[in-house]
Amino acid sequence: MTLSMTPNDVLALLKEGNRRFLSDEPIMVQASRMSRLRMAAAQHPIAAYLSCSDSRVAPELLFGRGLGELFIVRNAGNSLCSTAIGSLEFAVTALGVPLIVVMGHERCGAVDAATKLVTNNSQLPPSLTRMVKPILPAVIDAQAGQA
Protein backbone atom coordinates (compact mmCIF):
# COMPACT_ATOMS: atom_id res chain seq x y z
CA MET A 1 0.00 0.00 0.00
CA THR A 2 1.13 3.51 -0.69
CA LEU A 3 1.53 6.11 2.01
CA SER A 4 -0.22 8.69 -0.17
CA MET A 5 -3.70 7.18 -0.05
CA THR A 6 -6.53 9.60 0.69
CA PRO A 7 -9.25 8.81 3.23
CA ASN A 8 -11.64 8.20 0.31
CA ASP A 9 -9.14 5.80 -1.34
CA VAL A 10 -8.84 3.82 1.88
CA LEU A 11 -12.59 3.77 2.47
CA ALA A 12 -13.20 2.49 -1.07
CA LEU A 13 -10.62 -0.26 -0.52
CA LEU A 14 -12.25 -1.27 2.78
CA LYS A 15 -15.73 -1.27 1.25
CA GLU A 16 -14.51 -3.47 -1.60
CA GLY A 17 -12.93 -5.87 0.90
CA ASN A 18 -16.18 -6.00 2.86
CA ARG A 19 -18.13 -6.65 -0.34
CA ARG A 20 -15.81 -9.60 -1.09
CA PHE A 21 -16.26 -10.90 2.48
CA LEU A 22 -20.06 -10.69 2.24
CA SER A 23 -19.94 -12.47 -1.14
CA ASP A 24 -17.86 -15.32 0.35
CA GLU A 25 -14.99 -14.60 -2.04
CA PRO A 26 -11.61 -15.90 -0.88
CA ILE A 27 -9.45 -13.43 1.03
CA MET A 28 -5.98 -13.11 -0.46
CA VAL A 29 -3.48 -11.55 1.92
CA GLN A 30 0.28 -11.04 1.81
CA ALA A 31 1.80 -13.22 4.52
CA SER A 32 4.98 -14.40 2.87
CA ARG A 33 8.26 -14.42 4.77
CA MET A 34 9.47 -11.36 2.83
CA SER A 35 6.33 -9.37 3.56
CA ARG A 36 6.60 -10.26 7.27
CA LEU A 37 10.24 -9.13 7.31
CA ARG A 38 9.25 -5.79 5.72
CA MET A 39 6.52 -5.36 8.34
CA ALA A 40 8.95 -6.18 11.15
CA ALA A 41 11.08 -3.21 10.07
CA ALA A 42 8.22 -0.66 10.03
CA GLN A 43 4.47 -0.52 9.99
CA HIS A 44 2.44 1.38 7.42
CA PRO A 45 -1.25 0.71 8.12
CA ILE A 46 -3.82 2.25 5.80
CA ALA A 47 -6.49 2.79 8.49
CA ALA A 48 -6.99 2.76 12.23
CA TYR A 49 -9.96 0.98 13.77
CA LEU A 50 -11.67 1.41 17.10
CA SER A 51 -13.43 -1.90 17.47
CA CYS A 52 -14.97 -4.14 20.07
CA SER A 53 -12.86 -6.99 21.40
CA ASP A 54 -15.72 -9.42 20.69
CA SER A 55 -14.20 -12.54 19.11
CA ARG A 56 -16.82 -12.47 16.35
CA VAL A 57 -15.60 -9.09 15.11
CA ALA A 58 -12.31 -9.34 13.18
CA PRO A 59 -11.71 -6.20 11.09
CA GLU A 60 -8.96 -7.80 8.98
CA LEU A 61 -11.32 -10.54 7.85
CA LEU A 62 -14.45 -8.39 7.55
CA PHE A 63 -12.63 -5.91 5.30
CA GLY A 64 -10.32 -8.28 3.42
CA ARG A 65 -7.05 -6.87 4.74
CA GLY A 66 -3.88 -8.61 5.81
CA LEU A 67 -1.08 -8.31 8.32
CA GLY A 68 0.09 -4.76 8.89
CA GLU A 69 -2.69 -3.05 6.96
CA LEU A 70 -4.95 -2.06 9.85
CA PHE A 71 -3.98 -0.47 13.17
CA ILE A 72 -6.63 -1.91 15.46
CA VAL A 73 -7.56 -0.64 18.92
CA ARG A 74 -9.94 -3.08 20.58
CA ASN A 75 -11.77 -3.06 23.88
CA ALA A 76 -15.10 -4.39 25.04
CA GLY A 77 -17.77 -1.99 23.82
CA ASN A 78 -15.23 -0.12 21.63
CA SER A 79 -15.28 2.78 24.06
CA LEU A 80 -13.00 5.77 23.79
CA CYS A 81 -10.89 5.50 26.96
CA SER A 82 -7.60 7.39 27.33
CA THR A 83 -5.60 4.40 26.09
CA ALA A 84 -7.77 4.12 22.98
CA ILE A 85 -7.53 7.86 22.30
CA GLY A 86 -3.76 7.79 22.70
CA SER A 87 -3.47 4.78 20.42
CA LEU A 88 -5.56 6.43 17.70
CA GLU A 89 -3.56 9.66 18.03
CA PHE A 90 -0.38 7.57 17.61
CA ALA A 91 -1.81 5.96 14.47
CA VAL A 92 -2.54 9.36 12.94
CA THR A 93 0.49 11.36 14.08
CA ALA A 94 3.27 8.75 14.06
CA LEU A 95 2.03 6.31 11.42
CA GLY A 96 0.15 8.73 9.17
CA VAL A 97 -3.07 6.75 8.77
CA PRO A 98 -5.51 8.84 6.73
CA LEU A 99 -8.70 7.24 8.08
CA ILE A 100 -10.12 6.18 11.46
CA VAL A 101 -13.02 3.73 11.45
CA VAL A 102 -15.21 3.34 14.54
CA MET A 103 -16.83 -0.04 14.15
CA GLY A 104 -19.78 -1.22 16.22
CA HIS A 105 -21.64 -4.48 15.95
CA GLU A 106 -24.86 -6.20 16.96
CA ARG A 107 -25.33 -8.13 20.22
CA CYS A 108 -22.41 -6.46 22.00
CA GLY A 109 -21.91 -7.92 25.47
CA ALA A 110 -20.56 -4.65 26.88
CA VAL A 111 -23.57 -2.69 25.61
CA ASP A 112 -25.86 -5.40 27.00
CA ALA A 113 -24.13 -5.14 30.42
CA ALA A 114 -24.46 -1.33 30.39
CA THR A 115 -28.13 -1.63 29.44
CA LYS A 116 -28.78 -4.05 32.32
CA LEU A 117 -27.07 -1.65 34.72
CA VAL A 118 -29.43 1.13 33.64
CA THR A 119 -32.68 -0.78 33.19
CA ASN A 120 -32.41 -3.50 35.86
CA ASN A 121 -30.00 -1.86 38.28
CA SER A 122 -27.86 -5.00 37.82
CA GLN A 123 -24.57 -5.40 39.62
CA LEU A 124 -21.27 -6.06 37.90
CA PRO A 125 -17.82 -6.61 39.33
CA PRO A 126 -16.01 -3.26 39.85
CA SER A 127 -13.69 -3.60 36.84
CA LEU A 128 -16.57 -4.40 34.51
CA THR A 129 -18.57 -1.47 35.89
CA ARG A 130 -15.64 0.85 35.12
CA MET A 131 -15.31 -0.69 31.66
CA VAL A 132 -18.94 0.01 30.69
CA LYS A 133 -19.07 3.45 32.32
CA PRO A 134 -18.29 5.30 29.04
CA ILE A 135 -21.25 3.52 27.40
CA LEU A 136 -23.79 4.49 30.09
CA PRO A 137 -24.66 7.99 28.76
CA ALA A 138 -25.65 6.53 25.38
CA VAL A 139 -27.74 3.84 27.06
CA ILE A 140 -29.47 6.43 29.26
CA ASP A 141 -30.19 8.61 26.20
CA ALA A 142 -31.56 5.61 24.30
CA GLN A 143 -33.78 4.64 27.23
CA ALA A 144 -35.08 8.22 27.53
CA GLY A 145 -35.88 8.20 23.80
CA GLN A 146 -37.98 5.06 24.21
CA ALA A 147 -40.02 6.47 27.10
C-alpha atoms as a PDB file:
ATOM      1  CA  MET A   1       0.000   0.000   0.000  1.00  0.00           C
ATOM      2  CA  THR A   2       1.130   3.508  -0.685  1.00  0.00           C
ATOM      3  CA  LEU A   3       1.529   6.109   2.009  1.00  0.00           C
ATOM      4  CA  SER A   4      -0.221   8.691  -0.174  1.00  0.00           C
ATOM      5  CA  MET A   5      -3.705   7.176  -0.047  1.00  0.00           C
ATOM      6  CA  THR A   6      -6.527   9.600   0.691  1.00  0.00           C
ATOM      7  CA  PRO A   7      -9.250   8.808   3.230  1.00  0.00           C
ATOM      8  CA  ASN A   8     -11.637   8.196   0.313  1.00  0.00           C
ATOM      9  CA  ASP A   9      -9.143   5.798  -1.343  1.00  0.00           C
ATOM     10  CA  VAL A  10      -8.843   3.816   1.880  1.00  0.00           C
ATOM     11  CA  LEU A  11     -12.594   3.775   2.472  1.00  0.00           C
ATOM     12  CA  ALA A  12     -13.196   2.491  -1.070  1.00  0.00           C
ATOM     13  CA  LEU A  13     -10.623  -0.264  -0.521  1.00  0.00           C
ATOM     14  CA  LEU A  14     -12.246  -1.271   2.781  1.00  0.00           C
ATOM     15  CA  LYS A  15     -15.728  -1.267   1.249  1.00  0.00           C
ATOM     16  CA  GLU A  16     -14.511  -3.473  -1.597  1.00  0.00           C
ATOM     17  CA  GLY A  17     -12.930  -5.874   0.902  1.00  0.00           C
ATOM     18  CA  ASN A  18     -16.183  -6.002   2.864  1.00  0.00           C
ATOM     19  CA  ARG A  19     -18.126  -6.646  -0.343  1.00  0.00           C
ATOM     20  CA  ARG A  20     -15.814  -9.603  -1.092  1.00  0.00           C
ATOM     21  CA  PHE A  21     -16.261 -10.900   2.478  1.00  0.00           C
ATOM     22  CA  LEU A  22     -20.058 -10.693   2.240  1.00  0.00           C
ATOM     23  CA  SER A  23     -19.936 -12.471  -1.137  1.00  0.00           C
ATOM     24  CA  ASP A  24     -17.858 -15.318   0.349  1.00  0.00           C
ATOM     25  CA  GLU A  25     -14.994 -14.595  -2.036  1.00  0.00           C
ATOM     26  CA  PRO A  26     -11.607 -15.904  -0.880  1.00  0.00           C
ATOM     27  CA  ILE A  27      -9.447 -13.434   1.026  1.00  0.00           C
ATOM     28  CA  MET A  28      -5.984 -13.110  -0.463  1.00  0.00           C
ATOM     29  CA  VAL A  29      -3.476 -11.551   1.922  1.00  0.00           C
ATOM     30  CA  GLN A  30       0.275 -11.043   1.812  1.00  0.00           C
ATOM     31  CA  ALA A  31       1.795 -13.216   4.520  1.00  0.00           C
ATOM     32  CA  SER A  32       4.983 -14.402   2.866  1.00  0.00           C
ATOM     33  CA  ARG A  33       8.261 -14.421   4.769  1.00  0.00           C
ATOM     34  CA  MET A  34       9.472 -11.363   2.827  1.00  0.00           C
ATOM     35  CA  SER A  35       6.333  -9.365   3.560  1.00  0.00           C
ATOM     36  CA  ARG A  36       6.600 -10.264   7.267  1.00  0.00           C
ATOM     37  CA  LEU A  37      10.236  -9.125   7.306  1.00  0.00           C
ATOM     38  CA  ARG A  38       9.248  -5.792   5.720  1.00  0.00           C
ATOM     39  CA  MET A  39       6.525  -5.355   8.338  1.00  0.00           C
ATOM     40  CA  ALA A  40       8.952  -6.177  11.145  1.00  0.00           C
ATOM     41  CA  ALA A  41      11.080  -3.206  10.066  1.00  0.00           C
ATOM     42  CA  ALA A  42       8.223  -0.662  10.030  1.00  0.00           C
ATOM     43  CA  GLN A  43       4.467  -0.522   9.991  1.00  0.00           C
ATOM     44  CA  HIS A  44       2.437   1.383   7.421  1.00  0.00           C
ATOM     45  CA  PRO A  45      -1.253   0.706   8.117  1.00  0.00           C
ATOM     46  CA  ILE A  46      -3.825   2.249   5.800  1.00  0.00           C
ATOM     47  CA  ALA A  47      -6.485   2.791   8.489  1.00  0.00           C
ATOM     48  CA  ALA A  48      -6.989   2.760  12.233  1.00  0.00           C
ATOM     49  CA  TYR A  49      -9.957   0.984  13.772  1.00  0.00           C
ATOM     50  CA  LEU A  50     -11.668   1.405  17.103  1.00  0.00           C
ATOM     51  CA  SER A  51     -13.432  -1.904  17.470  1.00  0.00           C
ATOM     52  CA  CYS A  52     -14.972  -4.145  20.075  1.00  0.00           C
ATOM     53  CA  SER A  53     -12.858  -6.988  21.402  1.00  0.00           C
ATOM     54  CA  ASP A  54     -15.720  -9.420  20.687  1.00  0.00           C
ATOM     55  CA  SER A  55     -14.197 -12.541  19.111  1.00  0.00           C
ATOM     56  CA  ARG A  56     -16.821 -12.471  16.350  1.00  0.00           C
ATOM     57  CA  VAL A  57     -15.601  -9.086  15.115  1.00  0.00           C
ATOM     58  CA  ALA A  58     -12.314  -9.335  13.183  1.00  0.00           C
ATOM     59  CA  PRO A  59     -11.715  -6.204  11.086  1.00  0.00           C
ATOM     60  CA  GLU A  60      -8.958  -7.798   8.975  1.00  0.00           C
ATOM     61  CA  LEU A  61     -11.321 -10.544   7.850  1.00  0.00           C
ATOM     62  CA  LEU A  62     -14.448  -8.394   7.551  1.00  0.00           C
ATOM     63  CA  PHE A  63     -12.632  -5.910   5.305  1.00  0.00           C
ATOM     64  CA  GLY A  64     -10.318  -8.279   3.417  1.00  0.00           C
ATOM     65  CA  ARG A  65      -7.054  -6.869   4.740  1.00  0.00           C
ATOM     66  CA  GLY A  66      -3.883  -8.611   5.810  1.00  0.00           C
ATOM     67  CA  LEU A  67      -1.078  -8.306   8.317  1.00  0.00           C
ATOM     68  CA  GLY A  68       0.094  -4.763   8.895  1.00  0.00           C
ATOM     69  CA  GLU A  69      -2.695  -3.055   6.955  1.00  0.00           C
ATOM     70  CA  LEU A  70      -4.951  -2.056   9.849  1.00  0.00           C
ATOM     71  CA  PHE A  71      -3.984  -0.468  13.167  1.00  0.00           C
ATOM     72  CA  ILE A  72      -6.634  -1.913  15.463  1.00  0.00           C
ATOM     73  CA  VAL A  73      -7.563  -0.639  18.919  1.00  0.00           C
ATOM     74  CA  ARG A  74      -9.935  -3.079  20.583  1.00  0.00           C
ATOM     75  CA  ASN A  75     -11.767  -3.057  23.879  1.00  0.00           C
ATOM     76  CA  ALA A  76     -15.104  -4.390  25.042  1.00  0.00           C
ATOM     77  CA  GLY A  77     -17.769  -1.992  23.821  1.00  0.00           C
ATOM     78  CA  ASN A  78     -15.235  -0.119  21.635  1.00  0.00           C
ATOM     79  CA  SER A  79     -15.281   2.779  24.060  1.00  0.00           C
ATOM     80  CA  LEU A  80     -12.998   5.766  23.789  1.00  0.00           C
ATOM     81  CA  CYS A  81     -10.893   5.504  26.960  1.00  0.00           C
ATOM     82  CA  SER A  82      -7.604   7.391  27.328  1.00  0.00           C
ATOM     83  CA  THR A  83      -5.604   4.396  26.087  1.00  0.00           C
ATOM     84  CA  ALA A  84      -7.772   4.120  22.975  1.00  0.00           C
ATOM     85  CA  ILE A  85      -7.534   7.859  22.299  1.00  0.00           C
ATOM     86  CA  GLY A  86      -3.756   7.794  22.700  1.00  0.00           C
ATOM     87  CA  SER A  87      -3.472   4.777  20.418  1.00  0.00           C
ATOM     88  CA  LEU A  88      -5.558   6.429  17.703  1.00  0.00           C
ATOM     89  CA  GLU A  89      -3.561   9.656  18.030  1.00  0.00           C
ATOM     90  CA  PHE A  90      -0.382   7.574  17.606  1.00  0.00           C
ATOM     91  CA  ALA A  91      -1.809   5.963  14.467  1.00  0.00           C
ATOM     92  CA  VAL A  92      -2.536   9.363  12.937  1.00  0.00           C
ATOM     93  CA  THR A  93       0.495  11.356  14.084  1.00  0.00           C
ATOM     94  CA  ALA A  94       3.267   8.746  14.061  1.00  0.00           C
ATOM     95  CA  LEU A  95       2.028   6.312  11.420  1.00  0.00           C
ATOM     96  CA  GLY A  96       0.151   8.732   9.174  1.00  0.00           C
ATOM     97  CA  VAL A  97      -3.066   6.754   8.768  1.00  0.00           C
ATOM     98  CA  PRO A  98      -5.511   8.842   6.732  1.00  0.00           C
ATOM     99  CA  LEU A  99      -8.698   7.237   8.083  1.00  0.00           C
ATOM    100  CA  ILE A 100     -10.115   6.177  11.460  1.00  0.00           C
ATOM    101  CA  VAL A 101     -13.018   3.729  11.453  1.00  0.00           C
ATOM    102  CA  VAL A 102     -15.210   3.336  14.541  1.00  0.00           C
ATOM    103  CA  MET A 103     -16.825  -0.044  14.148  1.00  0.00           C
ATOM    104  CA  GLY A 104     -19.778  -1.217  16.221  1.00  0.00           C
ATOM    105  CA  HIS A 105     -21.642  -4.481  15.945  1.00  0.00           C
ATOM    106  CA  GLU A 106     -24.856  -6.196  16.964  1.00  0.00           C
ATOM    107  CA  ARG A 107     -25.328  -8.128  20.221  1.00  0.00           C
ATOM    108  CA  CYS A 108     -22.406  -6.462  21.996  1.00  0.00           C
ATOM    109  CA  GLY A 109     -21.912  -7.916  25.468  1.00  0.00           C
ATOM    110  CA  ALA A 110     -20.557  -4.648  26.878  1.00  0.00           C
ATOM    111  CA  VAL A 111     -23.574  -2.694  25.606  1.00  0.00           C
ATOM    112  CA  ASP A 112     -25.857  -5.404  27.003  1.00  0.00           C
ATOM    113  CA  ALA A 113     -24.130  -5.142  30.416  1.00  0.00           C
ATOM    114  CA  ALA A 114     -24.459  -1.329  30.394  1.00  0.00           C
ATOM    115  CA  THR A 115     -28.130  -1.630  29.444  1.00  0.00           C
ATOM    116  CA  LYS A 116     -28.779  -4.052  32.324  1.00  0.00           C
ATOM    117  CA  LEU A 117     -27.070  -1.646  34.716  1.00  0.00           C
ATOM    118  CA  VAL A 118     -29.427   1.133  33.639  1.00  0.00           C
ATOM    119  CA  THR A 119     -32.676  -0.780  33.185  1.00  0.00           C
ATOM    120  CA  ASN A 120     -32.414  -3.502  35.857  1.00  0.00           C
ATOM    121  CA  ASN A 121     -29.999  -1.859  38.281  1.00  0.00           C
ATOM    122  CA  SER A 122     -27.857  -4.999  37.817  1.00  0.00           C
ATOM    123  CA  GLN A 123     -24.572  -5.398  39.619  1.00  0.00           C
ATOM    124  CA  LEU A 124     -21.266  -6.055  37.899  1.00  0.00           C
ATOM    125  CA  PRO A 125     -17.815  -6.612  39.327  1.00  0.00           C
ATOM    126  CA  PRO A 126     -16.010  -3.256  39.854  1.00  0.00           C
ATOM    127  CA  SER A 127     -13.688  -3.604  36.843  1.00  0.00           C
ATOM    128  CA  LEU A 128     -16.569  -4.398  34.510  1.00  0.00           C
ATOM    129  CA  THR A 129     -18.565  -1.474  35.891  1.00  0.00           C
ATOM    130  CA  ARG A 130     -15.636   0.846  35.125  1.00  0.00           C
ATOM    131  CA  MET A 131     -15.308  -0.688  31.660  1.00  0.00           C
ATOM    132  CA  VAL A 132     -18.940   0.006  30.686  1.00  0.00           C
ATOM    133  CA  LYS A 133     -19.070   3.454  32.319  1.00  0.00           C
ATOM    134  CA  PRO A 134     -18.295   5.303  29.036  1.00  0.00           C
ATOM    135  CA  ILE A 135     -21.252   3.520  27.403  1.00  0.00           C
ATOM    136  CA  LEU A 136     -23.787   4.485  30.086  1.00  0.00           C
ATOM    137  CA  PRO A 137     -24.662   7.993  28.757  1.00  0.00           C
ATOM    138  CA  ALA A 138     -25.651   6.533  25.375  1.00  0.00           C
ATOM    139  CA  VAL A 139     -27.739   3.844  27.063  1.00  0.00           C
ATOM    140  CA  ILE A 140     -29.471   6.435  29.261  1.00  0.00           C
ATOM    141  CA  ASP A 141     -30.187   8.609  26.201  1.00  0.00           C
ATOM    142  CA  ALA A 142     -31.556   5.613  24.299  1.00  0.00           C
ATOM    143  CA  GLN A 143     -33.780   4.636  27.228  1.00  0.00           C
ATOM    144  CA  ALA A 144     -35.076   8.215  27.534  1.00  0.00           C
ATOM    145  CA  GLY A 145     -35.882   8.202  23.803  1.00  0.00           C
ATOM    146  CA  GLN A 146     -37.976   5.060  24.213  1.00  0.00           C
ATOM    147  CA  ALA A 147     -40.024   6.471  27.104  1.00  0.00           C
END
